C-alpha cells in the first residue's frame, strides 16, 4: 500500500546540509531501519510501529509522518520545514 504524505519531511539524514526528502511511509520505514543514526529510543520504536500499522491499513499516514518527525527530533536529526 503506497502511503504518500500530504507534506514531505526534509531531514539531514546523511550529514549536515545533506538533505533527504521523505514523502512516503515506505521511505520513512526504510530510513528508520537502514539509515538511522541511533539504534534505539522510545520515539524510534514508536515510529517503526506506527509505520508498520499505516502500511497494514490500521492507522493513517499523518500518524506515520508525525511519529517520524518525533523520531528525528529524538535522534537529533535536523529537520527543514
N, C-alpha and C. Protein backbone atom coordinates (compact mmCIF):
# COMPACT_ATOMS: atom_id res chain seq x y z
N UNK A 1 0.84 -1.19 0.00
CA UNK A 1 0.00 0.00 0.00
C UNK A 1 0.89 1.25 0.00
N UNK A 2 0.81 2.04 -1.04
CA UNK A 2 1.58 3.29 -1.14
C UNK A 2 0.90 4.36 -0.30
N UNK A 3 1.61 4.92 0.62
CA UNK A 3 1.04 5.93 1.52
C UNK A 3 1.84 7.22 1.42
N UNK A 4 1.56 7.99 0.39
CA UNK A 4 2.24 9.26 0.17
C UNK A 4 1.71 10.29 1.17
N UNK A 5 2.64 11.01 1.79
CA UNK A 5 2.26 12.01 2.78
C UNK A 5 1.80 13.29 2.09
N UNK A 6 0.89 14.01 2.73
CA UNK A 6 0.42 15.29 2.18
C UNK A 6 1.55 16.31 2.14
N UNK A 7 2.44 16.26 3.14
CA UNK A 7 3.57 17.18 3.19
C UNK A 7 4.84 16.37 3.48
N UNK A 8 5.83 16.41 2.59
CA UNK A 8 7.07 15.66 2.82
C UNK A 8 7.85 16.21 4.01
N UNK A 9 8.76 15.40 4.52
CA UNK A 9 9.66 15.80 5.60
C UNK A 9 11.07 15.81 5.03
N UNK A 10 11.76 16.92 5.18
CA UNK A 10 13.13 17.05 4.69
C UNK A 10 14.06 17.03 5.89
N UNK A 11 14.97 16.06 5.92
CA UNK A 11 15.88 15.90 7.05
C UNK A 11 17.32 15.77 6.56
N UNK A 12 18.26 16.13 7.43
CA UNK A 12 19.69 15.98 7.13
C UNK A 12 20.13 14.62 7.68
N UNK A 13 19.74 13.58 7.00
CA UNK A 13 19.96 12.22 7.48
C UNK A 13 21.38 11.74 7.28
N UNK A 14 21.99 12.15 6.21
CA UNK A 14 23.32 11.63 5.87
C UNK A 14 24.45 12.55 6.31
N UNK A 15 24.12 13.64 6.99
CA UNK A 15 25.13 14.57 7.48
C UNK A 15 24.65 15.99 7.33
N UNK A 16 25.39 16.94 7.90
CA UNK A 16 24.99 18.34 7.82
C UNK A 16 24.85 18.81 6.38
N UNK A 17 23.78 19.49 6.10
CA UNK A 17 23.50 20.04 4.78
C UNK A 17 23.40 18.99 3.67
N UNK A 18 23.15 17.74 4.04
CA UNK A 18 22.89 16.69 3.06
C UNK A 18 21.43 16.27 3.26
N UNK A 19 20.55 17.01 2.64
CA UNK A 19 19.11 16.88 2.87
C UNK A 19 18.50 15.75 2.07
N UNK A 20 17.62 15.04 2.71
CA UNK A 20 16.87 13.95 2.10
C UNK A 20 15.39 14.24 2.28
N UNK A 21 14.62 14.07 1.22
CA UNK A 21 13.17 14.30 1.30
C UNK A 21 12.47 12.96 1.47
N UNK A 22 11.73 12.85 2.55
CA UNK A 22 10.94 11.65 2.83
C UNK A 22 9.48 12.01 2.59
N UNK A 23 8.83 11.29 1.67
CA UNK A 23 7.46 11.65 1.35
C UNK A 23 6.47 10.49 1.40
N UNK A 24 6.97 9.30 1.79
CA UNK A 24 6.07 8.16 1.93
C UNK A 24 6.39 7.40 3.21
N UNK A 25 5.42 6.65 3.67
CA UNK A 25 5.63 5.82 4.86
C UNK A 25 6.68 4.76 4.57
N UNK A 26 6.70 4.24 3.36
CA UNK A 26 7.70 3.25 2.99
C UNK A 26 9.12 3.83 3.07
N UNK A 27 9.31 5.03 2.56
CA UNK A 27 10.63 5.68 2.62
C UNK A 27 11.03 5.96 4.07
N UNK A 28 10.06 6.35 4.88
CA UNK A 28 10.34 6.60 6.30
C UNK A 28 10.77 5.31 6.99
N UNK A 29 10.08 4.23 6.71
CA UNK A 29 10.43 2.95 7.30
C UNK A 29 11.84 2.53 6.91
N UNK A 30 12.15 2.68 5.64
CA UNK A 30 13.49 2.34 5.16
C UNK A 30 14.55 3.18 5.89
N UNK A 31 14.31 4.47 6.00
CA UNK A 31 15.26 5.35 6.69
C UNK A 31 15.43 4.95 8.14
N UNK A 32 14.32 4.66 8.81
CA UNK A 32 14.37 4.28 10.23
C UNK A 32 15.16 2.99 10.45
N UNK A 33 15.01 2.05 9.53
CA UNK A 33 15.65 0.75 9.69
C UNK A 33 17.09 0.73 9.18
N UNK A 34 17.35 1.37 8.06
CA UNK A 34 18.65 1.26 7.41
C UNK A 34 19.61 2.43 7.68
N UNK A 35 19.09 3.64 7.79
CA UNK A 35 19.95 4.82 7.79
C UNK A 35 19.97 5.61 9.10
N UNK A 36 19.18 5.20 10.07
CA UNK A 36 19.03 5.98 11.29
C UNK A 36 20.32 5.99 12.10
N UNK A 37 20.71 7.14 12.68
CA UNK A 37 21.96 7.23 13.42
C UNK A 37 21.91 6.57 14.80
N UNK A 38 20.72 6.28 15.31
CA UNK A 38 20.60 5.60 16.60
C UNK A 38 19.90 4.26 16.38
N UNK A 39 20.13 3.34 17.30
CA UNK A 39 19.53 2.02 17.15
C UNK A 39 18.37 1.78 18.10
N UNK A 40 18.19 2.68 19.06
CA UNK A 40 17.07 2.50 19.98
C UNK A 40 16.63 3.83 20.55
N UNK A 41 15.42 3.83 21.04
CA UNK A 41 14.82 5.01 21.64
C UNK A 41 13.32 4.88 21.56
N UNK A 42 12.60 5.45 22.50
CA UNK A 42 11.15 5.31 22.51
C UNK A 42 10.47 5.87 21.26
N UNK A 43 10.93 7.02 20.78
CA UNK A 43 10.31 7.61 19.59
C UNK A 43 10.63 6.80 18.35
N UNK A 44 11.84 6.26 18.27
CA UNK A 44 12.22 5.40 17.15
C UNK A 44 11.35 4.14 17.14
N UNK A 45 11.22 3.51 18.28
CA UNK A 45 10.39 2.30 18.37
C UNK A 45 8.94 2.60 17.98
N UNK A 46 8.43 3.72 18.47
CA UNK A 46 7.04 4.09 18.15
C UNK A 46 6.89 4.36 16.65
N UNK A 47 7.85 5.08 16.07
CA UNK A 47 7.78 5.39 14.63
C UNK A 47 7.77 4.11 13.80
N UNK A 48 8.61 3.16 14.15
CA UNK A 48 8.63 1.89 13.40
C UNK A 48 7.28 1.18 13.51
N UNK A 49 6.72 1.16 14.71
CA UNK A 49 5.43 0.50 14.92
C UNK A 49 4.30 1.22 14.18
N UNK A 50 4.29 2.54 14.24
CA UNK A 50 3.24 3.31 13.56
C UNK A 50 3.35 3.14 12.05
N UNK A 51 4.56 3.17 11.51
CA UNK A 51 4.73 2.98 10.06
C UNK A 51 4.22 1.61 9.64
N UNK A 52 4.51 0.59 10.42
CA UNK A 52 4.01 -0.75 10.10
C UNK A 52 2.49 -0.78 10.13
N UNK A 53 1.90 -0.11 11.11
CA UNK A 53 0.43 -0.04 11.19
C UNK A 53 -0.17 0.69 10.00
N UNK A 54 0.48 1.76 9.57
CA UNK A 54 -0.03 2.50 8.41
C UNK A 54 0.02 1.62 7.16
N UNK A 55 1.11 0.92 6.97
CA UNK A 55 1.24 0.09 5.78
C UNK A 55 0.26 -1.09 5.78
N UNK A 56 -0.20 -1.48 6.96
CA UNK A 56 -1.19 -2.56 7.01
C UNK A 56 -2.62 -2.01 7.11
N UNK A 57 -2.75 -0.67 7.01
CA UNK A 57 -4.08 -0.06 6.98
C UNK A 57 -4.73 0.17 8.32
N UNK A 58 -3.98 0.07 9.41
CA UNK A 58 -4.54 0.23 10.76
C UNK A 58 -4.50 1.67 11.27
N UNK A 59 -3.68 2.50 10.66
CA UNK A 59 -3.55 3.91 11.06
C UNK A 59 -3.48 4.76 9.80
N UNK A 60 -3.57 6.10 10.00
CA UNK A 60 -3.49 6.98 8.83
C UNK A 60 -2.07 7.49 8.62
N UNK A 61 -1.80 7.93 7.42
CA UNK A 61 -0.45 8.34 7.03
C UNK A 61 0.08 9.52 7.82
N UNK A 62 -0.79 10.41 8.29
CA UNK A 62 -0.33 11.56 9.08
C UNK A 62 0.27 11.11 10.41
N UNK A 63 -0.24 10.02 10.96
CA UNK A 63 0.34 9.48 12.19
C UNK A 63 1.77 9.00 11.95
N UNK A 64 2.02 8.39 10.80
CA UNK A 64 3.38 7.95 10.48
C UNK A 64 4.30 9.14 10.30
N UNK A 65 3.83 10.16 9.62
CA UNK A 65 4.63 11.36 9.40
C UNK A 65 5.01 11.99 10.74
N UNK A 66 4.04 12.15 11.63
CA UNK A 66 4.30 12.77 12.93
C UNK A 66 5.25 11.92 13.78
N UNK A 67 5.06 10.61 13.77
CA UNK A 67 5.94 9.72 14.52
C UNK A 67 7.37 9.77 13.96
N UNK A 68 7.49 9.89 12.64
CA UNK A 68 8.80 10.00 12.00
C UNK A 68 9.50 11.29 12.44
N UNK A 69 8.77 12.39 12.47
CA UNK A 69 9.34 13.67 12.92
C UNK A 69 9.80 13.56 14.37
N UNK A 70 9.00 12.95 15.21
CA UNK A 70 9.36 12.80 16.63
C UNK A 70 10.63 11.95 16.77
N UNK A 71 10.76 10.92 15.96
CA UNK A 71 11.97 10.09 15.99
C UNK A 71 13.19 10.87 15.53
N UNK A 72 13.01 11.72 14.52
CA UNK A 72 14.12 12.56 14.05
C UNK A 72 14.57 13.53 15.14
N UNK A 73 13.60 14.12 15.82
CA UNK A 73 13.93 15.03 16.93
C UNK A 73 14.68 14.29 18.02
N UNK A 74 14.20 13.12 18.38
CA UNK A 74 14.85 12.30 19.41
C UNK A 74 16.30 11.99 19.03
N UNK A 75 16.54 11.71 17.74
CA UNK A 75 17.89 11.34 17.27
C UNK A 75 18.77 12.55 17.02
N UNK A 76 18.21 13.76 17.13
CA UNK A 76 18.99 14.97 16.89
C UNK A 76 19.23 15.25 15.42
N UNK A 77 18.37 14.73 14.57
CA UNK A 77 18.50 14.94 13.12
C UNK A 77 17.85 16.27 12.75
N UNK A 78 18.57 17.16 12.08
CA UNK A 78 17.97 18.43 11.65
C UNK A 78 16.80 18.22 10.69
N UNK A 79 15.77 19.02 10.87
CA UNK A 79 14.59 18.96 10.02
C UNK A 79 14.41 20.33 9.38
N UNK A 80 14.16 20.35 8.08
CA UNK A 80 13.91 21.59 7.35
C UNK A 80 12.43 21.69 7.07
N UNK A 81 11.81 22.79 7.47
CA UNK A 81 10.38 22.98 7.22
C UNK A 81 10.15 23.87 6.03
